[in-house]
Amino acid sequence: MPPQLTWDSAEDIGILLAEAHPDKDPLQIRFTDLHKMVMELPGFADDAESSNEGKLEAIQMAWYEEYKENQG
């Protein structure tokens, strides 16, 4: 995992979110809440204003892949 996470670290962020919130379905999380959850991750060091819908969607999909693996 990179020493500092950025909005472009979708796969690493997805893994961390799956570990931190194992019971949450990522597809039920609003992007505003997802943004807040990412900003609160240890090691996240990017500017809050640097996110956009595409980056949040990539994070959500990476988290969803982890979620699916953990559910099966």
PDB file of N, CA and C in Angstrom:
ATOM      1  N   MET A   1       0.847  -1.185   0.000  1.00  0.00           N
ATOM      2  CA  MET A   1       0.000   0.000   0.000  1.00  0.00           C
ATOM      3  C   MET A   1       0.892   1.247   0.000  1.00  0.00           C
ATOM      4  N   PRO A   2       0.497   2.259  -0.760  1.00  0.00           N
ATOM      5  CA  PRO A   2       1.317   3.466  -0.777  1.00  0.00           C
ATOM      6  C   PRO A   2       1.345   4.117   0.603  1.00  0.00           C
ATOM      7  N   PRO A   3       2.452   4.796   0.940  1.00  0.00           N
ATOM      8  CA  PRO A   3       2.532   5.433   2.249  1.00  0.00           C
ATOM      9  C   PRO A   3       1.462   6.502   2.436  1.00  0.00           C
ATOM     10  N   GLN A   4       1.099   7.171   1.358  1.00  0.00           N
ATOM     11  CA  GLN A   4       0.047   8.180   1.436  1.00  0.00           C
ATOM     12  C   GLN A   4      -0.995   7.878   0.369  1.00  0.00           C
ATOM     13  N   LEU A   5      -2.230   7.824   0.799  1.00  0.00           N
ATOM     14  CA  LEU A   5      -3.331   7.559  -0.125  1.00  0.00           C
ATOM     15  C   LEU A   5      -3.806   8.856  -0.758  1.00  0.00           C
ATOM     16  N   THR A   6      -4.180   8.764  -2.040  1.00  0.00           N
ATOM     17  CA  THR A   6      -4.757   9.900  -2.745  1.00  0.00           C
ATOM     18  C   THR A   6      -6.063   9.436  -3.382  1.00  0.00           C
ATOM     19  N   TRP A   7      -6.769  10.349  -3.997  1.00  0.00           N
ATOM     20  CA  TRP A   7      -8.024  10.009  -4.660  1.00  0.00           C
ATOM     21  C   TRP A   7      -7.814   8.996  -5.783  1.00  0.00           C
ATOM     22  N   ASP A   8      -6.601   8.879  -6.263  1.00  0.00           N
ATOM     23  CA  ASP A   8      -6.303   7.929  -7.334  1.00  0.00           C
ATOM     24  C   ASP A   8      -5.949   6.537  -6.812  1.00  0.00           C
ATOM     25  N   SER A   9      -5.938   6.354  -5.501  1.00  0.00           N
ATOM     26  CA  SER A   9      -5.606   5.063  -4.880  1.00  0.00           C
ATOM     27  C   SER A   9      -6.869   4.242  -4.643  1.00  0.00           C
ATOM     28  N   ALA A  10      -7.714   4.134  -5.664  1.00  0.00           N
ATOM     29  CA  ALA A  10      -9.047   3.533  -5.494  1.00  0.00           C
ATOM     30  C   ALA A  10      -8.993   2.123  -4.918  1.00  0.00           C
ATOM     31  N   GLU A  11      -8.115   1.280  -5.449  1.00  0.00           N
ATOM     32  CA  GLU A  11      -8.083  -0.106  -4.971  1.00  0.00           C
ATOM     33  C   GLU A  11      -7.666  -0.193  -3.511  1.00  0.00           C
ATOM     34  N   ASP A  12      -6.632   0.547  -3.133  1.00  0.00           N
ATOM     35  CA  ASP A  12      -6.184   0.530  -1.741  1.00  0.00           C
ATOM     36  C   ASP A  12      -7.250   1.099  -0.809  1.00  0.00           C
ATOM     37  N   ILE A  13      -7.900   2.160  -1.239  1.00  0.00           N
ATOM     38  CA  ILE A  13      -8.959   2.762  -0.437  1.00  0.00           C
ATOM     39  C   ILE A  13     -10.135   1.794  -0.312  1.00  0.00           C
ATOM     40  N   GLY A  14     -10.483   1.121  -1.410  1.00  0.00           N
ATOM     41  CA  GLY A  14     -11.562   0.148  -1.371  1.00  0.00           C
ATOM     42  C   GLY A  14     -11.315  -0.948  -0.355  1.00  0.00           C
ATOM     43  N   ILE A  15     -10.086  -1.435  -0.301  1.00  0.00           N
ATOM     44  CA  ILE A  15      -9.725  -2.465   0.675  1.00  0.00           C
ATOM     45  C   ILE A  15      -9.875  -1.932   2.099  1.00  0.00           C
ATOM     46  N   LEU A  16      -9.353  -0.743   2.337  1.00  0.00           N
ATOM     47  CA  LEU A  16      -9.433  -0.161   3.685  1.00  0.00           C
ATOM     48  C   LEU A  16     -10.878   0.079   4.112  1.00  0.00           C
ATOM     49  N   LEU A  17     -11.708   0.554   3.185  1.00  0.00           N
ATOM     50  CA  LEU A  17     -13.110   0.787   3.525  1.00  0.00           C
ATOM     51  C   LEU A  17     -13.832  -0.523   3.809  1.00  0.00           C
ATOM     52  N   ALA A  18     -13.512  -1.575   3.055  1.00  0.00           N
ATOM     53  CA  ALA A  18     -14.126  -2.886   3.303  1.00  0.00           C
ATOM     54  C   ALA A  18     -13.741  -3.409   4.679  1.00  0.00           C
ATOM     55  N   GLU A  19     -12.502  -3.171   5.073  1.00  0.00           N
ATOM     56  CA  GLU A  19     -12.046  -3.607   6.397  1.00  0.00           C
ATOM     57  C   GLU A  19     -12.679  -2.772   7.501  1.00  0.00           C
ATOM     58  N   ALA A  20     -12.807  -1.482   7.277  1.00  0.00           N
ATOM     59  CA  ALA A  20     -13.342  -0.579   8.297  1.00  0.00           C
ATOM     60  C   ALA A  20     -14.859  -0.680   8.436  1.00  0.00           C
ATOM     61  N   HIS A  21     -15.545  -1.042   7.347  1.00  0.00           N
ATOM     62  CA  HIS A  21     -17.014  -1.073   7.345  1.00  0.00           C
ATOM     63  C   HIS A  21     -17.506  -2.367   6.686  1.00  0.00           C
ATOM     64  N   PRO A  22     -17.220  -3.522   7.298  1.00  0.00           N
ATOM     65  CA  PRO A  22     -17.531  -4.800   6.648  1.00  0.00           C
ATOM     66  C   PRO A  22     -19.017  -5.062   6.430  1.00  0.00           C
ATOM     67  N   ASP A  23     -19.870  -4.425   7.202  1.00  0.00           N
ATOM     68  CA  ASP A  23     -21.303  -4.688   7.094  1.00  0.00           C
ATOM     69  C   ASP A  23     -22.040  -3.692   6.202  1.00  0.00           C
ATOM     70  N   LYS A  24     -21.328  -2.714   5.668  1.00  0.00           N
ATOM     71  CA  LYS A  24     -21.980  -1.703   4.829  1.00  0.00           C
ATOM     72  C   LYS A  24     -21.896  -2.092   3.363  1.00  0.00           C
ATOM     73  N   ASP A  25     -23.011  -1.980   2.682  1.00  0.00           N
ATOM     74  CA  ASP A  25     -23.052  -2.198   1.234  1.00  0.00           C
ATOM     75  C   ASP A  25     -22.596  -0.901   0.568  1.00  0.00           C
ATOM     76  N   PRO A  26     -21.464  -0.918  -0.117  1.00  0.00           N
ATOM     77  CA  PRO A  26     -20.946   0.315  -0.711  1.00  0.00           C
ATOM     78  C   PRO A  26     -21.900   0.967  -1.704  1.00  0.00           C
ATOM     79  N   LEU A  27     -22.762   0.180  -2.329  1.00  0.00           N
ATOM     80  CA  LEU A  27     -23.689   0.751  -3.307  1.00  0.00           C
ATOM     81  C   LEU A  27     -24.824   1.525  -2.639  1.00  0.00           C
ATOM     82  N   GLN A  28     -24.923   1.413  -1.331  1.00  0.00           N
ATOM     83  CA  GLN A  28     -25.942   2.150  -0.588  1.00  0.00           C
ATOM     84  C   GLN A  28     -25.388   3.430   0.057  1.00  0.00           C
ATOM     85  N   ILE A  29     -24.113   3.713  -0.183  1.00  0.00           N
ATOM     86  CA  ILE A  29     -23.457   4.881   0.411  1.00  0.00           C
ATOM     87  C   ILE A  29     -23.523   6.055  -0.565  1.00  0.00           C
ATOM     88  N   ARG A  30     -24.010   7.182  -0.084  1.00  0.00           N
ATOM     89  CA  ARG A  30     -24.017   8.393  -0.921  1.00  0.00           C
ATOM     90  C   ARG A  30     -22.595   8.898  -1.105  1.00  0.00           C
ATOM     91  N   PHE A  31     -22.351   9.540  -2.226  1.00  0.00           N
ATOM     92  CA  PHE A  31     -21.008  10.039  -2.499  1.00  0.00           C
ATOM     93  C   PHE A  31     -20.551  11.058  -1.453  1.00  0.00           C
ATOM     94  N   THR A  32     -21.465  11.844  -0.908  1.00  0.00           N
ATOM     95  CA  THR A  32     -21.072  12.799   0.129  1.00  0.00           C
ATOM     96  C   THR A  32     -20.556  12.059   1.364  1.00  0.00           C
ATOM     97  N   ASP A  33     -21.209  10.950   1.709  1.00  0.00           N
ATOM     98  CA  ASP A  33     -20.758  10.151   2.853  1.00  0.00           C
ATOM     99  C   ASP A  33     -19.463   9.412   2.526  1.00  0.00           C
ATOM    100  N   LEU A  34     -19.364   8.914   1.301  1.00  0.00           N
ATOM    101  CA  LEU A  34     -18.149   8.221   0.873  1.00  0.00           C
ATOM    102  C   LEU A  34     -16.956   9.171   0.928  1.00  0.00           C
ATOM    103  N   HIS A  35     -17.153  10.379   0.472  1.00  0.00           N
ATOM    104  CA  HIS A  35     -16.093  11.399   0.509  1.00  0.00           C
ATOM    105  C   HIS A  35     -15.598  11.576   1.936  1.00  0.00           C
ATOM    106  N   LYS A  36     -16.516  11.703   2.868  1.00  0.00           N
ATOM    107  CA  LYS A  36     -16.166  11.891   4.286  1.00  0.00           C
ATOM    108  C   LYS A  36     -15.424  10.666   4.819  1.00  0.00           C
ATOM    109  N   MET A  37     -15.888   9.471   4.475  1.00  0.00           N
ATOM    110  CA  MET A  37     -15.255   8.242   4.949  1.00  0.00           C
ATOM    111  C   MET A  37     -13.826   8.138   4.433  1.00  0.00           C
ATOM    112  N   VAL A  38     -13.604   8.502   3.181  1.00  0.00           N
ATOM    113  CA  VAL A  38     -12.260   8.454   2.603  1.00  0.00           C
ATOM    114  C   VAL A  38     -11.359   9.467   3.301  1.00  0.00           C
ATOM    115  N   MET A  39     -11.850  10.662   3.511  1.00  0.00           N
ATOM    116  CA  MET A  39     -11.052  11.712   4.155  1.00  0.00           C
ATOM    117  C   MET A  39     -10.616  11.304   5.561  1.00  0.00           C
ATOM    118  N   GLU A  40     -11.401  10.463   6.217  1.00  0.00           N
ATOM    119  CA  GLU A  40     -11.104  10.043   7.591  1.00  0.00           C
ATOM    120  C   GLU A  40     -10.162   8.843   7.670  1.00  0.00           C
ATOM    121  N   LEU A  41      -9.832   8.228   6.535  1.00  0.00           N
ATOM    122  CA  LEU A  41      -8.951   7.063   6.559  1.00  0.00           C
ATOM    123  C   LEU A  41      -7.539   7.456   6.995  1.00  0.00           C
ATOM    124  N   PRO A  42      -6.925   6.616   7.845  1.00  0.00           N
ATOM    125  CA  PRO A  42      -5.525   6.881   8.197  1.00  0.00           C
ATOM    126  C   PRO A  42      -4.659   6.747   6.947  1.00  0.00           C
ATOM    127  N   GLY A  43      -3.757   7.668   6.766  1.00  0.00           N
ATOM    128  CA  GLY A  43      -2.879   7.622   5.607  1.00  0.00           C
ATOM    129  C   GLY A  43      -3.411   8.360   4.391  1.00  0.00           C
ATOM    130  N   PHE A  44      -4.646   8.859   4.477  1.00  0.00           N
ATOM    131  CA  PHE A  44      -5.175   9.622   3.345  1.00  0.00           C
ATOM    132  C   PHE A  44      -4.620  11.035   3.417  1.00  0.00           C
ATOM    133  N   ALA A  45      -3.979  11.461   2.328  1.00  0.00           N
ATOM    134  CA  ALA A  45      -3.269  12.738   2.371  1.00  0.00           C
ATOM    135  C   ALA A  45      -3.505  13.575   1.123  1.00  0.00           C
ATOM    136  N   ASP A  46      -4.712  13.538   0.584  1.00  0.00           N
ATOM    137  CA  ASP A  46      -4.997  14.336  -0.608  1.00  0.00           C
ATOM    138  C   ASP A  46      -5.951  15.461  -0.239  1.00  0.00           C
ATOM    139  N   ASP A  47      -6.036  16.413  -1.118  1.00  0.00           N
ATOM    140  CA  ASP A  47      -6.899  17.575  -0.921  1.00  0.00           C
ATOM    141  C   ASP A  47      -8.368  17.187  -1.095  1.00  0.00           C
ATOM    142  N   ALA A  48      -9.196  17.619  -0.185  1.00  0.00           N
ATOM    143  CA  ALA A  48     -10.628  17.307  -0.247  1.00  0.00           C
ATOM    144  C   ALA A  48     -11.250  17.777  -1.553  1.00  0.00           C
ATOM    145  N   GLU A  49     -10.759  18.868  -2.079  1.00  0.00           N
ATOM    146  CA  GLU A  49     -11.312  19.446  -3.297  1.00  0.00           C
ATOM    147  C   GLU A  49     -10.866  18.718  -4.568  1.00  0.00           C
ATOM    148  N   SER A  50      -9.919  17.794  -4.441  1.00  0.00           N
ATOM    149  CA  SER A  50      -9.395  17.096  -5.613  1.00  0.00           C
ATOM    150  C   SER A  50     -10.262  15.917  -6.043  1.00  0.00           C
ATOM    151  N   SER A  51     -11.266  15.589  -5.251  1.00  0.00           N
ATOM    152  CA  SER A  51     -12.118  14.461  -5.630  1.00  0.00           C
ATOM    153  C   SER A  51     -13.137  14.921  -6.670  1.00  0.00           C
ATOM    154  N   ASN A  52     -13.671  13.932  -7.386  1.00  0.00           N
ATOM    155  CA  ASN A  52     -14.761  14.208  -8.310  1.00  0.00           C
ATOM    156  C   ASN A  52     -15.610  12.947  -8.403  1.00  0.00           C
ATOM    157  N   GLU A  53     -16.677  13.022  -9.138  1.00  0.00           N
ATOM    158  CA  GLU A  53     -17.604  11.894  -9.212  1.00  0.00           C
ATOM    159  C   GLU A  53     -16.927  10.639  -9.768  1.00  0.00           C
ATOM    160  N   GLY A  54     -16.084  10.793 -10.759  1.00  0.00           N
ATOM    161  CA  GLY A  54     -15.396   9.649 -11.346  1.00  0.00           C
ATOM    162  C   GLY A  54     -14.479   8.948 -10.356  1.00  0.00           C
ATOM    163  N   LYS A  55     -13.759   9.729  -9.566  1.00  0.00           N
ATOM    164  CA  LYS A  55     -12.848   9.148  -8.576  1.00  0.00           C
ATOM    165  C   LYS A  55     -13.630   8.467  -7.460  1.00  0.00           C
ATOM    166  N   LEU A  56     -14.716   9.092  -7.028  1.00  0.00           N
ATOM    167  CA  LEU A  56     -15.544   8.478  -5.990  1.00  0.00           C
ATOM    168  C   LEU A  56     -16.194   7.188  -6.498  1.00  0.00           C
ATOM    169  N   GLU A  57     -16.606   7.192  -7.746  1.00  0.00           N
ATOM    170  CA  GLU A  57     -17.208   5.988  -8.321  1.00  0.00           C
ATOM    171  C   GLU A  57     -16.180   4.857  -8.403  1.00  0.00           C
ATOM    172  N   ALA A  58     -14.938   5.182  -8.773  1.00  0.00           N
ATOM    173  CA  ALA A  58     -13.888   4.168  -8.832  1.00  0.00           C
ATOM    174  C   ALA A  58     -13.624   3.578  -7.447  1.00  0.00           C
ATOM    175  N   ILE A  59     -13.624   4.422  -6.431  1.00  0.00           N
ATOM    176  CA  ILE A  59     -13.442   3.960  -5.054  1.00  0.00           C
ATOM    177  C   ILE A  59     -14.611   3.081  -4.641  1.00  0.00           C
ATOM    178  N   GLN A  60     -15.822   3.521  -4.958  1.00  0.00           N
ATOM    179  CA  GLN A  60     -17.013   2.748  -4.605  1.00  0.00           C
ATOM    180  C   GLN A  60     -16.986   1.372  -5.265  1.00  0.00           C
ATOM    181  N   MET A  61     -16.585   1.298  -6.517  1.00  0.00           N
ATOM    182  CA  MET A  61     -16.541   0.017  -7.225  1.00  0.00           C
ATOM    183  C   MET A  61     -15.440  -0.892  -6.667  1.00  0.00           C
ATOM    184  N   ALA A  62     -14.300  -0.313  -6.303  1.00  0.00           N
ATOM    185  CA  ALA A  62     -13.227  -1.103  -5.689  1.00  0.00           C
ATOM    186  C   ALA A  62     -13.689  -1.655  -4.342  1.00  0.00           C
ATOM    187  N   TRP A  63     -14.383  -0.841  -3.573  1.00  0.00           N
ATOM    188  CA  TRP A  63     -14.926  -1.273  -2.290  1.00  0.00           C
ATOM    189  C   TRP A  63     -15.976  -2.362  -2.522  1.00  0.00           C
ATOM    190  N   TYR A  64     -16.808  -2.184  -3.539  1.00  0.00           N
ATOM    191  CA  TYR A  64     -17.857  -3.166  -3.826  1.00  0.00           C
ATOM    192  C   TYR A  64     -17.256  -4.527  -4.190  1.00  0.00           C
ATOM    193  N   GLU A  65     -16.163  -4.525  -4.934  1.00  0.00           N
ATOM    194  CA  GLU A  65     -15.495  -5.791  -5.272  1.00  0.00           C
ATOM    195  C   GLU A  65     -15.038  -6.506  -4.001  1.00  0.00           C
ATOM    196  N   GLU A  66     -14.468  -5.766  -3.060  1.00  0.00           N
ATOM    197  CA  GLU A  66     -14.049  -6.348  -1.779  1.00  0.00           C
ATOM    198  C   GLU A  66     -15.260  -6.835  -0.996  1.00  0.00           C
ATOM    199  N   TYR A  67     -16.306  -6.044  -1.007  1.00  0.00           N
ATOM    200  CA  TYR A  67     -17.549  -6.388  -0.292  1.00  0.00           C
ATOM    201  C   TYR A  67     -18.113  -7.699  -0.809  1.00  0.00           C
ATOM    202  N   LYS A  68     -18.173  -7.850  -2.143  1.00  0.00           N
ATOM    203  CA  LYS A  68     -18.697  -9.075  -2.743  1.00  0.00           C
ATOM    204  C   LYS A  68     -17.872 -10.294  -2.343  1.00  0.00           C
ATOM    205  N   GLU A  69     -16.557 -10.148  -2.361  1.00  0.00           N
ATOM    206  CA  GLU A  69     -15.677 -11.261  -1.976  1.00  0.00           C
ATOM    207  C   GLU A  69     -15.902 -11.679  -0.530  1.00  0.00           C
ATOM    208  N   ASN A  70     -16.117 -10.704   0.330  1.00  0.00           N
ATOM    209  CA  ASN A  70     -16.304 -10.991   1.760  1.00  0.00           C
ATOM    210  C   ASN A  70     -17.690 -11.542   2.070  1.00  0.00           C
ATOM    211  N   GLN A  71     -18.657 -11.296   1.194  1.00  0.00           N
ATOM    212  CA  GLN A  71     -20.023 -11.790   1.421  1.00  0.00           C
ATOM    213  C   GLN A  71     -20.164 -13.247   1.010  1.00  0.00           C
ATOM    214  N   GLY A  72     -19.374 -13.696   0.036  1.00  0.00           N
ATOM    215  CA  GLY A  72     -19.522 -15.035  -0.521  1.00  0.00           C
ATOM    216  C   GLY A  72     -18.769 -16.043   0.250  1.00  0.00           C
TER     217      GLY A  72
END
